Amino acid sequence: MVTTLEIPQEILESARLTTAELKVEIAVSLYASGRLSVGKARELAGMSLWQFRQLLASRQVSPHFDLDDLAEDVAALQNLENM
């Protein structure tokens, strides 16, 4: 299921953001406020876990680490081992 959010083009232009950039901004904000896990936030941002963590670090957003995050990190490491 997908929910569509309508944002007037003039709002995006005023903010100087593309749709993809807005999704990243929303993902970072929701992660920083504790509303999304890093996995769901990176999914919304359309980034790999590594890319999203680097973005968070560049914006000085402290990591939140829970069991879901640990499971995702373990899965990512296992994928790297299988390459």
Protein backbone atom coordinates (compact mmCIF):
# COMPACT_ATOMS: atom_id res chain seq x y z
CA MET A 1 0.00 0.00 0.00
CA VAL A 2 1.27 3.46 -0.88
CA THR A 3 -0.04 6.80 0.36
CA THR A 4 0.26 9.81 -1.89
CA LEU A 5 1.02 13.23 -0.46
CA GLU A 6 0.30 16.25 -2.62
CA ILE A 7 2.77 19.11 -2.30
CA PRO A 8 2.36 22.11 -4.57
CA GLN A 9 5.27 22.55 -6.97
CA GLU A 10 5.70 26.14 -5.78
CA ILE A 11 6.45 24.83 -2.26
CA LEU A 12 9.19 22.56 -3.61
CA GLU A 13 10.56 25.42 -5.67
CA SER A 14 10.52 27.79 -2.69
CA ALA A 15 12.38 25.23 -0.63
CA ARG A 16 14.70 24.54 -3.58
CA LEU A 17 14.06 20.81 -3.24
CA THR A 18 13.29 18.02 -5.64
CA THR A 19 10.79 15.34 -4.64
CA ALA A 20 13.66 12.96 -3.89
CA GLU A 21 15.40 15.55 -1.72
CA LEU A 22 12.17 16.20 0.19
CA LYS A 23 11.86 12.48 0.94
CA VAL A 24 15.40 12.55 2.33
CA GLU A 25 14.58 15.58 4.49
CA ILE A 26 11.46 13.90 5.84
CA ALA A 27 13.38 10.68 6.52
CA VAL A 28 16.14 12.51 8.42
CA SER A 29 13.63 14.49 10.44
CA LEU A 30 11.55 11.45 11.38
CA TYR A 31 14.68 9.50 12.32
CA ALA A 32 16.10 12.37 14.38
CA SER A 33 12.83 12.69 16.30
CA GLY A 34 12.73 8.95 16.98
CA ARG A 35 9.64 8.36 14.88
CA LEU A 36 11.36 6.02 12.39
CA SER A 37 14.05 3.41 12.77
CA VAL A 38 17.18 3.86 10.70
CA GLY A 39 16.03 1.04 8.42
CA LYS A 40 12.66 2.58 7.66
CA ALA A 41 14.16 6.06 7.37
CA ARG A 42 16.79 4.94 4.88
CA GLU A 43 14.09 3.12 2.95
CA LEU A 44 12.03 6.32 2.74
CA ALA A 45 15.14 8.24 1.68
CA GLY A 46 15.89 5.69 -1.04
CA MET A 47 19.43 5.19 0.26
CA SER A 48 21.56 2.30 1.38
CA LEU A 49 22.09 1.95 5.11
CA TRP A 50 25.70 3.08 4.68
CA GLN A 51 24.71 6.18 2.68
CA PHE A 52 22.00 7.14 5.16
CA ARG A 53 24.29 6.70 8.17
CA GLN A 54 26.90 8.89 6.46
CA LEU A 55 24.25 11.54 5.81
CA LEU A 56 23.18 11.45 9.45
CA ALA A 57 26.78 11.80 10.58
CA SER A 58 27.36 14.75 8.24
CA ARG A 59 24.34 16.46 9.83
CA GLN A 60 25.49 15.53 13.32
CA VAL A 61 22.37 13.45 14.01
CA SER A 62 23.19 11.02 16.80
CA PRO A 63 22.53 7.36 16.02
CA HIS A 64 19.66 5.56 17.72
CA PHE A 65 20.52 1.94 18.02
CA ASP A 66 17.86 -0.65 18.80
CA LEU A 67 17.31 -4.33 18.07
CA ASP A 68 15.89 -3.61 14.60
CA ASP A 69 19.01 -1.60 13.77
CA LEU A 70 21.23 -4.42 15.02
CA ALA A 71 19.36 -6.94 12.88
CA GLU A 72 19.74 -4.72 9.81
CA ASP A 73 23.46 -4.25 10.45
CA VAL A 74 23.96 -8.00 10.83
CA ALA A 75 22.03 -8.62 7.58
CA ALA A 76 24.12 -6.00 5.77
CA LEU A 77 27.33 -7.62 6.99
CA GLN A 78 26.11 -11.04 5.89
CA ASN A 79 25.33 -9.63 2.44
CA LEU A 80 28.86 -8.24 2.23
CA GLU A 81 30.31 -11.63 3.14
CA ASN A 82 28.31 -13.28 0.35
CA MET A 83 29.67 -10.95 -2.33
